[in-house]
Amino acid sequence: MIRSWLPLVCILMLAPATAAEPLAPPGAPAEAFPKPDRPVAEIVAPLWASEKQRDSVDEVGQVARLMRLSPGESIADLGAGSGYYTVRLAERVGPEGRVFAEDVTPRYLAGLETRIAKLGLANVTVVRGEPHDPRLQRGSLDAAVLVHMYHEIAQPFGLLHNLAAAMKPGGRVGIVDADDVPARHGTPPALLACELAAAGYRPTGFTTLDGGVGYLATFEAPAPDARPAPGSIRPCRDETTRGAARMR
């Protein structure tokens, strides 16, 4: 798929400094968790394909229906980037719902704040997180989406552990990614399932999305007191990733 994000990158680089702040005190620190036993992709752009292309295959609609996202819910868009999901989820949850647009890159956060202000989306809050911690309020979320960014998370076990504390009981987590190795900006589904299981998440569904979007893997977050202790987590090994690295 053509990556037509260059004009948007230029706009965001000109955006003012962000005023976004974390919404919660720090959770467990990054150094408490093992590093993933795989490559971590570099963050290269806030949008992986044009919004027109993604709308043409109803990407957000597919994900929203599969995750049963409903009016009045509170949803986190982790790694919100340009806000493609954020603005569409804001319409879906309605005035009684809430969308938390979280990111760690200052210029992406600045662009998000500008876009949200121009659209007058009163039900969206822009949040500055950390690579291992979304810094969202405890028990505040019905659902969270991580779209084409899981392979860029430097400390996935820390992020998943700290995200679980922000979820309501039975909170749903949806991860959209490409079935590829992290070096090519994807995550093999078996590796994803292993890492989520290591953090205490229960798989609830897997669907290949229409239109070449990738896959949606869904999970139920563990209750905060049911999370594995950080020191007990063991990294997952993925031979697909290792084989690709040997071939390069």
Protein backbone atom coordinates (compact mmCIF):
# COMPACT_ATOMS: atom_id res chain seq x y z
CA MET A 1 0.00 0.00 0.00
CA ILE A 2 1.32 3.49 -0.83
CA ARG A 3 2.54 5.42 2.19
CA SER A 4 1.27 8.90 1.37
CA TRP A 5 2.02 10.64 4.66
CA LEU A 6 4.82 13.05 3.65
CA PRO A 7 2.65 16.21 3.40
CA LEU A 8 1.14 15.50 6.81
CA VAL A 9 4.58 14.98 8.33
CA CYS A 10 5.62 18.41 7.04
CA ILE A 11 2.54 20.03 8.57
CA LEU A 12 3.11 18.39 11.93
CA MET A 13 6.75 19.45 12.04
CA LEU A 14 5.53 23.06 11.84
CA ALA A 15 2.98 22.60 14.63
CA PRO A 16 3.50 24.44 17.93
CA ALA A 17 4.89 22.73 21.03
CA THR A 18 2.36 20.50 22.71
CA ALA A 19 0.77 21.23 26.06
CA ALA A 20 -0.49 17.66 26.48
CA GLU A 21 0.23 16.11 29.87
CA PRO A 22 -0.08 12.65 31.46
CA LEU A 23 -3.39 11.95 33.21
CA ALA A 24 -2.09 9.59 35.90
CA PRO A 25 0.97 9.11 38.11
CA PRO A 26 3.69 6.83 36.75
CA GLY A 27 3.03 3.10 36.82
CA ALA A 28 5.64 0.37 37.04
CA PRO A 29 8.98 1.61 35.62
CA ALA A 30 10.40 0.35 32.33
CA GLU A 31 13.43 -1.21 33.99
CA ALA A 32 11.20 -3.56 36.00
CA PHE A 33 10.37 -5.52 32.84
CA PRO A 34 12.42 -7.72 30.51
CA LYS A 35 13.23 -6.35 27.10
CA PRO A 36 11.45 -8.03 24.16
CA ASP A 37 13.54 -10.73 22.50
CA ARG A 38 12.98 -9.27 19.04
CA PRO A 39 13.72 -6.11 17.04
CA VAL A 40 11.76 -2.93 17.73
CA ALA A 41 10.82 -0.85 14.68
CA GLU A 42 11.65 2.83 14.48
CA ILE A 43 8.80 5.36 14.68
CA VAL A 44 8.84 6.85 11.19
CA ALA A 45 5.50 8.62 10.54
CA PRO A 46 2.20 9.53 12.22
CA LEU A 47 0.10 7.98 9.43
CA TRP A 48 0.82 4.67 7.71
CA ALA A 49 -1.43 5.29 4.64
CA SER A 50 -3.66 8.11 3.40
CA GLU A 51 -6.95 8.73 5.18
CA LYS A 52 -8.81 8.50 1.86
CA GLN A 53 -7.38 5.03 1.23
CA ARG A 54 -8.26 3.86 4.71
CA ASP A 55 -11.78 5.28 4.53
CA SER A 56 -12.34 3.53 1.21
CA VAL A 57 -12.13 0.15 2.98
CA ASP A 58 -13.96 1.37 6.10
CA GLU A 59 -10.99 0.54 8.30
CA VAL A 60 -12.29 2.19 11.47
CA GLY A 61 -15.78 0.81 10.89
CA GLN A 62 -14.44 -2.72 10.59
CA VAL A 63 -12.48 -2.41 13.82
CA ALA A 64 -15.30 -0.68 15.70
CA ARG A 65 -17.82 -3.37 14.78
CA LEU A 66 -15.51 -6.24 15.65
CA MET A 67 -14.63 -4.62 18.99
CA ARG A 68 -18.25 -3.63 19.69
CA LEU A 69 -17.31 0.00 20.31
CA SER A 70 -20.46 1.85 21.35
CA PRO A 71 -21.79 5.33 22.13
CA GLY A 72 -20.98 6.49 25.63
CA GLU A 73 -17.80 4.42 26.00
CA SER A 74 -14.34 5.65 26.94
CA ILE A 75 -11.71 4.55 24.43
CA ALA A 76 -7.96 5.10 24.28
CA ASP A 77 -6.25 5.52 20.91
CA LEU A 78 -2.69 4.58 21.87
CA GLY A 79 -0.05 5.90 19.52
CA ALA A 80 -2.70 8.16 18.02
CA GLY A 81 -0.27 9.74 15.55
CA SER A 82 -2.18 12.01 13.16
CA GLY A 83 -5.52 11.35 14.84
CA TYR A 84 -7.07 9.27 12.05
CA TYR A 85 -8.76 6.89 14.50
CA THR A 86 -9.25 9.55 17.16
CA VAL A 87 -11.59 11.78 15.16
CA ARG A 88 -13.64 8.86 13.84
CA LEU A 89 -13.93 7.23 17.25
CA ALA A 90 -15.02 10.57 18.73
CA GLU A 91 -18.01 10.55 16.39
CA ARG A 92 -18.78 6.92 17.21
CA VAL A 93 -18.77 7.30 21.02
CA GLY A 94 -20.77 10.52 20.82
CA PRO A 95 -21.00 13.42 23.29
CA GLU A 96 -21.48 11.10 26.26
CA GLY A 97 -18.34 9.11 25.40
CA ARG A 98 -14.67 9.94 25.62
CA VAL A 99 -11.61 9.37 23.44
CA PHE A 100 -8.11 9.64 24.87
CA ALA A 101 -5.62 10.33 22.08
CA GLU A 102 -2.30 9.19 23.55
CA ASP A 103 1.14 9.46 22.02
CA VAL A 104 4.77 9.88 23.07
CA THR A 105 6.13 12.00 20.17
CA PRO A 106 5.91 15.76 20.89
CA ARG A 107 5.25 16.89 17.32
CA TYR A 108 2.51 14.28 16.89
CA LEU A 109 0.90 15.49 20.11
CA ALA A 110 1.08 19.09 18.91
CA GLY A 111 -0.56 18.12 15.62
CA LEU A 112 -3.26 16.21 17.48
CA GLU A 113 -4.08 19.18 19.67
CA THR A 114 -4.31 21.46 16.63
CA ARG A 115 -6.57 19.03 14.76
CA ILE A 116 -8.86 18.42 17.74
CA ALA A 117 -9.19 22.16 18.40
CA LYS A 118 -10.02 22.93 14.74
CA LEU A 119 -12.70 20.24 14.70
CA GLY A 120 -14.10 21.34 18.07
CA LEU A 121 -14.13 17.80 19.45
CA ALA A 122 -15.07 18.36 23.09
CA ASN A 123 -15.07 14.63 23.84
CA VAL A 124 -11.37 14.13 23.01
CA THR A 125 -8.46 14.51 25.43
CA VAL A 126 -4.88 14.48 24.13
CA VAL A 127 -2.54 12.65 26.52
CA ARG A 128 1.25 12.52 26.69
CA GLY A 129 2.36 9.03 27.62
CA GLU A 130 5.66 7.21 27.91
CA PRO A 131 6.90 4.31 25.76
CA HIS A 132 6.24 1.86 28.61
CA ASP A 133 3.23 3.61 30.21
CA PRO A 134 0.19 5.33 28.64
CA ARG A 135 -0.27 7.37 31.86
CA LEU A 136 -4.06 7.03 31.83
CA GLN A 137 -6.31 7.10 34.87
CA ARG A 138 -6.94 3.86 36.69
CA GLY A 139 -10.14 2.05 35.68
CA SER A 140 -11.08 4.70 33.12
CA LEU A 141 -11.27 2.74 29.84
CA ASP A 142 -13.84 0.46 28.25
CA ALA A 143 -11.51 -0.24 25.33
CA ALA A 144 -8.15 0.64 23.80
CA VAL A 145 -6.86 0.43 20.24
CA LEU A 146 -3.23 0.18 19.14
CA VAL A 147 -3.08 0.67 15.38
CA HIS A 148 0.02 -0.09 13.30
CA MET A 149 2.29 0.77 16.19
CA TYR A 150 2.70 -2.33 18.37
CA HIS A 151 5.95 -3.20 16.56
CA GLU A 152 7.31 0.24 17.57
CA ILE A 153 6.82 -0.25 21.32
CA ALA A 154 10.25 -0.47 22.91
CA GLN A 155 8.89 -1.95 26.16
CA PRO A 156 5.69 -3.85 25.29
CA PHE A 157 5.49 -5.73 28.60
CA GLY A 158 5.62 -2.50 30.58
CA LEU A 159 3.05 -0.80 28.37
CA LEU A 160 0.64 -3.75 28.58
CA HIS A 161 1.09 -4.02 32.34
CA ASN A 162 0.41 -0.33 32.92
CA LEU A 163 -2.42 -0.23 30.37
CA ALA A 164 -4.24 -3.03 32.25
CA ALA A 165 -4.52 -0.77 35.30
CA ALA A 166 -6.39 1.82 33.20
CA MET A 167 -8.97 -0.69 31.93
CA LYS A 168 -12.39 -1.29 33.46
CA PRO A 169 -13.27 -4.93 34.30
CA GLY A 170 -13.54 -6.84 31.03
CA GLY A 171 -11.82 -4.03 29.13
CA ARG A 172 -11.20 -4.80 25.43
CA VAL A 173 -7.90 -4.21 23.67
CA GLY A 174 -7.63 -4.30 19.88
CA ILE A 175 -4.32 -4.39 18.02
CA VAL A 176 -4.21 -3.70 14.29
CA ASP A 177 -0.96 -4.63 12.57
CA ALA A 178 0.56 -6.21 9.49
CA ASP A 179 1.44 -9.90 9.45
CA ASP A 180 5.14 -9.25 8.98
CA VAL A 181 8.33 -8.91 10.99
CA PRO A 182 9.02 -5.72 13.00
CA ALA A 183 11.79 -4.68 10.60
CA ARG A 184 9.05 -4.35 7.96
CA HIS A 185 6.65 -2.66 10.38
CA GLY A 186 4.53 -5.62 11.37
CA THR A 187 4.13 -8.20 14.13
CA PRO A 188 3.73 -11.93 13.47
CA PRO A 189 0.37 -12.94 15.04
CA ALA A 190 1.90 -15.82 17.02
CA LEU A 191 4.49 -13.49 18.53
CA LEU A 192 1.80 -10.93 19.36
CA ALA A 193 -0.35 -13.56 21.06
CA CYS A 194 2.63 -14.80 23.06
CA GLU A 195 3.61 -11.34 24.30
CA LEU A 196 0.02 -10.46 25.27
CA ALA A 197 -0.34 -13.78 27.10
CA ALA A 198 2.93 -13.14 28.94
CA ALA A 199 1.38 -9.89 30.22
CA GLY A 200 -1.80 -11.68 31.34
CA TYR A 201 -4.13 -10.77 28.47
CA ARG A 202 -6.73 -13.27 27.23
CA PRO A 203 -7.24 -13.59 23.43
CA THR A 204 -10.83 -13.05 22.30
CA GLY A 205 -10.62 -12.87 18.50
CA PHE A 206 -8.51 -12.62 15.36
CA THR A 207 -9.69 -11.26 12.00
CA THR A 208 -7.94 -10.41 8.75
CA LEU A 209 -9.38 -7.03 7.85
CA ASP A 210 -10.69 -6.26 4.36
CA GLY A 211 -8.79 -3.99 1.99
CA GLY A 212 -5.22 -4.93 2.83
CA VAL A 213 -5.39 -3.15 6.18
CA GLY A 214 -3.78 -6.00 8.12
CA TYR A 215 -5.27 -7.97 10.98
CA LEU A 216 -7.19 -7.14 14.15
CA ALA A 217 -6.30 -9.19 17.22
CA THR A 218 -8.51 -8.62 20.26
CA PHE A 219 -7.85 -9.35 23.91
CA GLU A 220 -9.38 -8.91 27.34
CA ALA A 221 -7.14 -7.07 29.76
CA PRO A 222 -6.34 -8.70 33.11
CA ALA A 223 -7.60 -7.15 36.32
CA PRO A 224 -4.86 -5.09 37.98
CA ASP A 225 -4.45 -7.62 40.80
CA ALA A 226 -4.27 -10.49 38.28
CA ARG A 227 -1.36 -9.07 36.28
CA PRO A 228 1.85 -11.10 36.28
CA ALA A 229 4.57 -9.54 38.39
CA PRO A 230 7.00 -7.65 36.14
CA GLY A 231 9.92 -9.83 37.19
CA SER A 232 8.05 -13.03 36.37
CA ILE A 233 7.45 -12.15 32.69
CA ARG A 234 9.53 -14.09 30.19
CA PRO A 235 10.16 -12.67 26.69
CA CYS A 236 8.80 -14.58 23.71
CA ARG A 237 11.07 -15.90 20.97
CA ASP A 238 9.93 -15.70 17.37
CA GLU A 239 11.82 -17.73 14.79
CA THR A 240 10.08 -15.91 11.90
CA THR A 241 11.67 -12.66 13.04
CA ARG A 242 15.04 -14.33 13.49
CA GLY A 243 14.88 -15.96 10.05
CA ALA A 244 14.13 -12.65 8.38
CA ALA A 245 17.05 -11.05 10.18
CA ARG A 246 19.40 -13.81 8.94
CA MET A 247 18.27 -13.31 5.34
CA ARG A 248 19.01 -9.57 5.28
